[in-house]
């Protein structure tokens, strides 16, 4: 059974793996990012500049994050969302820590 499952996993990974290497210079796409105003102000200019240099056909569309609900990410309306990872984050949402922050008052 172990060998059969291993083959299934390998076949699944092969289906999801791109056939050719992604050429960022030729990529034409708009990505929608849902994030807070603070993150856009802090990281937006640098991100926009880097995208313009490395992927000139890519456009970034920033939409405000007014709540913690991730429905727009789940249904594909949003491509990337930033926020605090909590217990309500579903297992289907792929997460990666960008930084750690603490509030001092």
N, C-alpha and C. Protein backbone atom coordinates (compact mmCIF):
# COMPACT_ATOMS: atom_id res chain seq x y z
N UNK A 1 0.83 -1.19 0.00
CA UNK A 1 0.00 0.00 0.00
C UNK A 1 0.88 1.26 0.00
N UNK A 2 1.99 1.19 0.72
CA UNK A 2 2.90 2.34 0.80
C UNK A 2 3.42 2.73 -0.59
N UNK A 3 3.78 1.75 -1.39
CA UNK A 3 4.29 2.03 -2.74
C UNK A 3 3.21 2.65 -3.62
N UNK A 4 1.99 2.16 -3.51
CA UNK A 4 0.89 2.71 -4.30
C UNK A 4 0.60 4.17 -3.92
N UNK A 5 0.59 4.44 -2.63
CA UNK A 5 0.34 5.80 -2.16
C UNK A 5 1.49 6.72 -2.60
N UNK A 6 2.71 6.24 -2.52
CA UNK A 6 3.86 7.04 -2.95
C UNK A 6 3.75 7.39 -4.43
N UNK A 7 3.32 6.45 -5.25
CA UNK A 7 3.13 6.71 -6.68
C UNK A 7 2.03 7.73 -6.91
N UNK A 8 0.94 7.60 -6.17
CA UNK A 8 -0.16 8.57 -6.28
C UNK A 8 0.30 9.98 -5.93
N UNK A 9 1.07 10.11 -4.87
CA UNK A 9 1.58 11.41 -4.46
C UNK A 9 2.50 11.98 -5.54
N UNK A 10 3.39 11.16 -6.09
CA UNK A 10 4.29 11.61 -7.15
C UNK A 10 3.51 12.03 -8.39
N UNK A 11 2.48 11.26 -8.75
CA UNK A 11 1.65 11.63 -9.90
C UNK A 11 0.93 12.94 -9.66
N UNK A 12 0.41 13.13 -8.45
CA UNK A 12 -0.26 14.38 -8.10
C UNK A 12 0.68 15.57 -8.17
N UNK A 13 1.88 15.41 -7.66
CA UNK A 13 2.87 16.48 -7.72
C UNK A 13 3.25 16.80 -9.17
N UNK A 14 3.36 15.78 -10.00
CA UNK A 14 3.71 15.99 -11.41
C UNK A 14 2.63 16.79 -12.14
N UNK A 15 1.37 16.54 -11.80
CA UNK A 15 0.26 17.27 -12.43
C UNK A 15 0.31 18.74 -12.04
N UNK A 16 0.66 19.03 -10.80
CA UNK A 16 0.67 20.40 -10.32
C UNK A 16 1.95 21.17 -10.68
N UNK A 17 2.99 20.47 -11.08
CA UNK A 17 4.26 21.09 -11.42
C UNK A 17 4.18 21.67 -12.83
N UNK A 18 4.62 22.93 -13.03
CA UNK A 18 4.59 23.50 -14.38
C UNK A 18 5.49 22.72 -15.34
N UNK A 19 5.06 22.65 -16.59
CA UNK A 19 5.82 21.92 -17.60
C UNK A 19 7.08 22.69 -17.98
N UNK A 20 6.98 24.00 -18.04
CA UNK A 20 8.13 24.81 -18.42
C UNK A 20 8.43 25.83 -17.32
N UNK A 21 9.63 26.34 -17.34
CA UNK A 21 10.03 27.36 -16.37
C UNK A 21 9.28 28.66 -16.65
N UNK A 22 8.79 29.29 -15.62
CA UNK A 22 8.05 30.53 -15.75
C UNK A 22 8.98 31.66 -16.15
N UNK A 23 8.63 32.37 -17.22
CA UNK A 23 9.40 33.52 -17.69
C UNK A 23 8.68 34.78 -17.22
N UNK A 24 9.17 35.38 -16.15
CA UNK A 24 8.51 36.56 -15.59
C UNK A 24 8.45 37.73 -16.56
N UNK A 25 9.40 37.84 -17.45
CA UNK A 25 9.41 38.95 -18.41
C UNK A 25 8.25 38.84 -19.40
N UNK A 26 7.74 37.63 -19.62
CA UNK A 26 6.65 37.42 -20.59
C UNK A 26 5.29 37.25 -19.92
N UNK A 27 5.26 37.18 -18.60
CA UNK A 27 4.02 36.97 -17.87
C UNK A 27 3.12 38.20 -17.98
N UNK A 28 1.86 37.98 -18.36
CA UNK A 28 0.87 39.05 -18.47
C UNK A 28 -0.28 38.69 -17.53
N UNK A 29 -0.39 39.39 -16.39
CA UNK A 29 -1.43 39.04 -15.43
C UNK A 29 -1.60 40.15 -14.41
N UNK A 30 -2.80 40.25 -13.88
CA UNK A 30 -3.07 41.15 -12.77
C UNK A 30 -3.28 40.30 -11.52
N UNK A 31 -2.55 40.62 -10.47
CA UNK A 31 -2.69 39.93 -9.20
C UNK A 31 -3.39 40.87 -8.23
N UNK A 32 -4.38 40.34 -7.53
CA UNK A 32 -5.12 41.10 -6.54
C UNK A 32 -4.60 40.75 -5.15
N UNK A 33 -4.17 41.77 -4.41
CA UNK A 33 -3.62 41.59 -3.08
C UNK A 33 -4.54 42.28 -2.08
N UNK A 34 -4.97 41.55 -1.10
CA UNK A 34 -5.85 42.10 -0.05
C UNK A 34 -5.01 42.28 1.20
N UNK A 35 -4.84 43.53 1.60
CA UNK A 35 -3.95 43.82 2.72
C UNK A 35 -4.35 45.13 3.39
N UNK A 36 -3.72 45.42 4.49
CA UNK A 36 -4.02 46.66 5.23
C UNK A 36 -3.32 47.84 4.58
N UNK A 37 -3.83 49.04 4.88
CA UNK A 37 -3.21 50.26 4.36
C UNK A 37 -1.76 50.38 4.81
N UNK A 38 -1.49 49.99 6.05
CA UNK A 38 -0.14 50.09 6.58
C UNK A 38 0.87 49.27 5.80
N UNK A 39 0.49 48.06 5.42
CA UNK A 39 1.40 47.22 4.64
C UNK A 39 1.60 47.78 3.24
N UNK A 40 0.53 48.30 2.65
CA UNK A 40 0.66 48.90 1.31
C UNK A 40 1.60 50.09 1.38
N UNK A 41 1.44 50.94 2.38
CA UNK A 41 2.30 52.11 2.52
C UNK A 41 3.76 51.73 2.77
N UNK A 42 3.96 50.69 3.57
CA UNK A 42 5.32 50.29 3.93
C UNK A 42 6.02 49.52 2.83
N UNK A 43 5.34 48.52 2.25
CA UNK A 43 5.99 47.63 1.30
C UNK A 43 5.55 47.83 -0.15
N UNK A 44 4.46 48.54 -0.38
CA UNK A 44 3.91 48.71 -1.72
C UNK A 44 4.87 49.31 -2.73
N UNK A 45 5.49 50.46 -2.44
CA UNK A 45 6.39 51.07 -3.43
C UNK A 45 7.53 50.16 -3.86
N UNK A 46 8.16 49.49 -2.91
CA UNK A 46 9.25 48.57 -3.25
C UNK A 46 8.76 47.38 -4.06
N UNK A 47 7.61 46.85 -3.68
CA UNK A 47 7.03 45.71 -4.40
C UNK A 47 6.66 46.10 -5.83
N UNK A 48 6.02 47.24 -5.98
CA UNK A 48 5.64 47.71 -7.31
C UNK A 48 6.87 47.94 -8.17
N UNK A 49 7.91 48.53 -7.60
CA UNK A 49 9.15 48.75 -8.35
C UNK A 49 9.81 47.47 -8.80
N UNK A 50 9.85 46.48 -7.91
CA UNK A 50 10.47 45.20 -8.26
C UNK A 50 9.67 44.47 -9.33
N UNK A 51 8.34 44.48 -9.20
CA UNK A 51 7.50 43.84 -10.20
C UNK A 51 7.69 44.52 -11.56
N UNK A 52 7.78 45.85 -11.58
CA UNK A 52 7.98 46.58 -12.83
C UNK A 52 9.29 46.18 -13.50
N UNK A 53 10.32 45.96 -12.71
CA UNK A 53 11.62 45.57 -13.27
C UNK A 53 11.66 44.12 -13.74
N UNK A 54 11.13 43.21 -12.92
CA UNK A 54 11.29 41.79 -13.19
C UNK A 54 10.14 41.17 -13.98
N UNK A 55 8.95 41.76 -13.91
CA UNK A 55 7.78 41.21 -14.61
C UNK A 55 6.95 42.39 -15.13
N UNK A 56 7.42 43.05 -16.19
CA UNK A 56 6.76 44.28 -16.65
C UNK A 56 5.31 44.10 -17.10
N UNK A 57 4.88 42.90 -17.40
CA UNK A 57 3.50 42.67 -17.82
C UNK A 57 2.55 42.38 -16.66
N UNK A 58 3.08 42.42 -15.45
CA UNK A 58 2.26 42.12 -14.26
C UNK A 58 1.78 43.43 -13.64
N UNK A 59 0.52 43.43 -13.26
CA UNK A 59 -0.08 44.57 -12.55
C UNK A 59 -0.52 44.10 -11.18
N UNK A 60 -0.36 44.96 -10.19
CA UNK A 60 -0.80 44.66 -8.83
C UNK A 60 -2.02 45.51 -8.52
N UNK A 61 -3.03 44.87 -8.02
CA UNK A 61 -4.26 45.56 -7.62
C UNK A 61 -4.42 45.34 -6.12
N UNK A 62 -4.37 46.42 -5.37
CA UNK A 62 -4.49 46.34 -3.92
C UNK A 62 -5.94 46.62 -3.53
N UNK A 63 -6.51 45.75 -2.70
CA UNK A 63 -7.85 45.97 -2.17
C UNK A 63 -7.74 45.97 -0.65
N UNK A 64 -8.57 46.79 0.01
CA UNK A 64 -8.46 46.90 1.47
C UNK A 64 -8.92 45.65 2.19
N UNK A 65 -8.27 45.38 3.29
CA UNK A 65 -8.67 44.27 4.15
C UNK A 65 -9.39 44.87 5.35
N UNK A 66 -10.69 44.80 5.31
CA UNK A 66 -11.50 45.43 6.35
C UNK A 66 -11.90 44.47 7.46
N UNK A 67 -11.72 43.16 7.23
CA UNK A 67 -12.05 42.17 8.24
C UNK A 67 -11.08 41.01 8.14
N UNK A 68 -11.21 40.03 9.02
CA UNK A 68 -10.30 38.89 9.04
C UNK A 68 -10.82 37.70 8.24
N UNK A 69 -11.96 37.83 7.64
CA UNK A 69 -12.56 36.73 6.86
C UNK A 69 -11.74 36.49 5.60
N UNK A 70 -11.47 35.23 5.26
CA UNK A 70 -10.65 34.90 4.09
C UNK A 70 -11.47 34.30 2.95
N UNK A 71 -12.75 34.59 2.91
CA UNK A 71 -13.61 34.06 1.85
C UNK A 71 -13.17 34.45 0.46
N UNK A 72 -12.71 35.70 0.28
CA UNK A 72 -12.27 36.15 -1.04
C UNK A 72 -11.03 35.39 -1.51
N UNK A 73 -10.18 35.02 -0.58
CA UNK A 73 -8.99 34.22 -0.91
C UNK A 73 -9.41 32.80 -1.29
N UNK A 74 -10.34 32.25 -0.54
CA UNK A 74 -10.79 30.89 -0.80
C UNK A 74 -11.50 30.76 -2.14
N UNK A 75 -12.29 31.78 -2.52
CA UNK A 75 -13.04 31.66 -3.77
C UNK A 75 -12.25 32.15 -4.99
N UNK A 76 -11.02 32.61 -4.79
CA UNK A 76 -10.17 33.00 -5.91
C UNK A 76 -10.32 34.44 -6.36
N UNK A 77 -11.14 35.23 -5.67
CA UNK A 77 -11.28 36.64 -6.00
C UNK A 77 -9.99 37.39 -5.69
N UNK A 78 -9.29 36.94 -4.67
CA UNK A 78 -8.03 37.54 -4.22
C UNK A 78 -6.93 36.50 -4.40
N UNK A 79 -5.77 36.93 -4.90
CA UNK A 79 -4.64 36.02 -5.11
C UNK A 79 -3.74 35.89 -3.89
N UNK A 80 -3.64 36.97 -3.11
CA UNK A 80 -2.77 36.97 -1.95
C UNK A 80 -3.40 37.84 -0.88
N UNK A 81 -3.30 37.39 0.35
CA UNK A 81 -3.88 38.15 1.47
C UNK A 81 -2.88 38.16 2.60
N UNK A 82 -2.74 39.30 3.25
CA UNK A 82 -1.87 39.37 4.42
C UNK A 82 -2.73 39.53 5.66
N UNK A 83 -2.22 39.08 6.77
CA UNK A 83 -2.95 39.20 8.02
C UNK A 83 -2.37 38.31 9.08
N UNK A 84 -3.03 38.30 10.19
CA UNK A 84 -2.60 37.48 11.32
C UNK A 84 -3.15 36.07 11.13
N UNK A 85 -2.28 35.09 11.28
CA UNK A 85 -2.69 33.69 11.16
C UNK A 85 -3.28 33.29 12.50
N UNK A 86 -4.51 32.80 12.45
CA UNK A 86 -5.18 32.41 13.68
C UNK A 86 -5.77 31.03 13.59
N UNK A 87 -6.53 30.69 14.61
CA UNK A 87 -7.15 29.36 14.67
C UNK A 87 -8.26 29.20 13.64
N UNK A 88 -8.76 30.32 13.12
CA UNK A 88 -9.84 30.23 12.13
C UNK A 88 -9.31 30.08 10.71
N UNK A 89 -7.99 30.14 10.53
CA UNK A 89 -7.40 29.95 9.20
C UNK A 89 -7.59 28.50 8.79
N UNK A 90 -8.28 28.30 7.67
CA UNK A 90 -8.58 26.95 7.20
C UNK A 90 -7.35 26.20 6.72
N UNK A 91 -7.40 24.88 6.73
CA UNK A 91 -6.25 24.08 6.29
C UNK A 91 -5.97 24.20 4.79
N UNK A 92 -6.94 24.67 4.02
CA UNK A 92 -6.73 24.80 2.58
C UNK A 92 -5.98 26.08 2.21
N UNK A 93 -5.80 26.96 3.18
CA UNK A 93 -5.09 28.21 2.94
C UNK A 93 -3.62 28.01 3.22
N UNK A 94 -2.80 28.22 2.20
CA UNK A 94 -1.36 28.07 2.35
C UNK A 94 -0.83 29.34 3.01
N UNK A 95 -0.05 29.20 4.07
CA UNK A 95 0.43 30.36 4.81
C UNK A 95 1.95 30.37 4.87
N UNK A 96 2.48 31.59 5.01
CA UNK A 96 3.92 31.76 5.20
C UNK A 96 4.12 33.01 6.03
N UNK A 97 4.90 32.90 7.08
CA UNK A 97 5.19 34.06 7.93
C UNK A 97 6.08 35.04 7.18
N UNK A 98 5.71 36.31 7.20
CA UNK A 98 6.52 37.36 6.59
C UNK A 98 7.42 38.03 7.63
N UNK A 99 6.86 38.24 8.81
CA UNK A 99 7.61 38.81 9.91
C UNK A 99 6.82 38.63 11.20
N UNK A 100 7.48 38.87 12.31
CA UNK A 100 6.81 38.83 13.61
C UNK A 100 6.82 40.24 14.16
N UNK A 101 5.74 40.58 14.82
CA UNK A 101 5.55 41.94 15.32
C UNK A 101 5.04 41.87 16.75
N UNK A 102 5.33 42.86 17.53
CA UNK A 102 4.75 42.93 18.85
C UNK A 102 4.39 44.39 19.12
N UNK A 103 3.35 44.55 19.86
CA UNK A 103 2.85 45.89 20.17
C UNK A 103 3.35 46.28 21.54
N UNK A 104 3.87 47.49 21.64
CA UNK A 104 4.34 48.01 22.91
C UNK A 104 3.52 49.26 23.22
N UNK A 105 2.99 49.30 24.43
CA UNK A 105 2.17 50.45 24.82
C UNK A 105 2.67 51.07 26.09
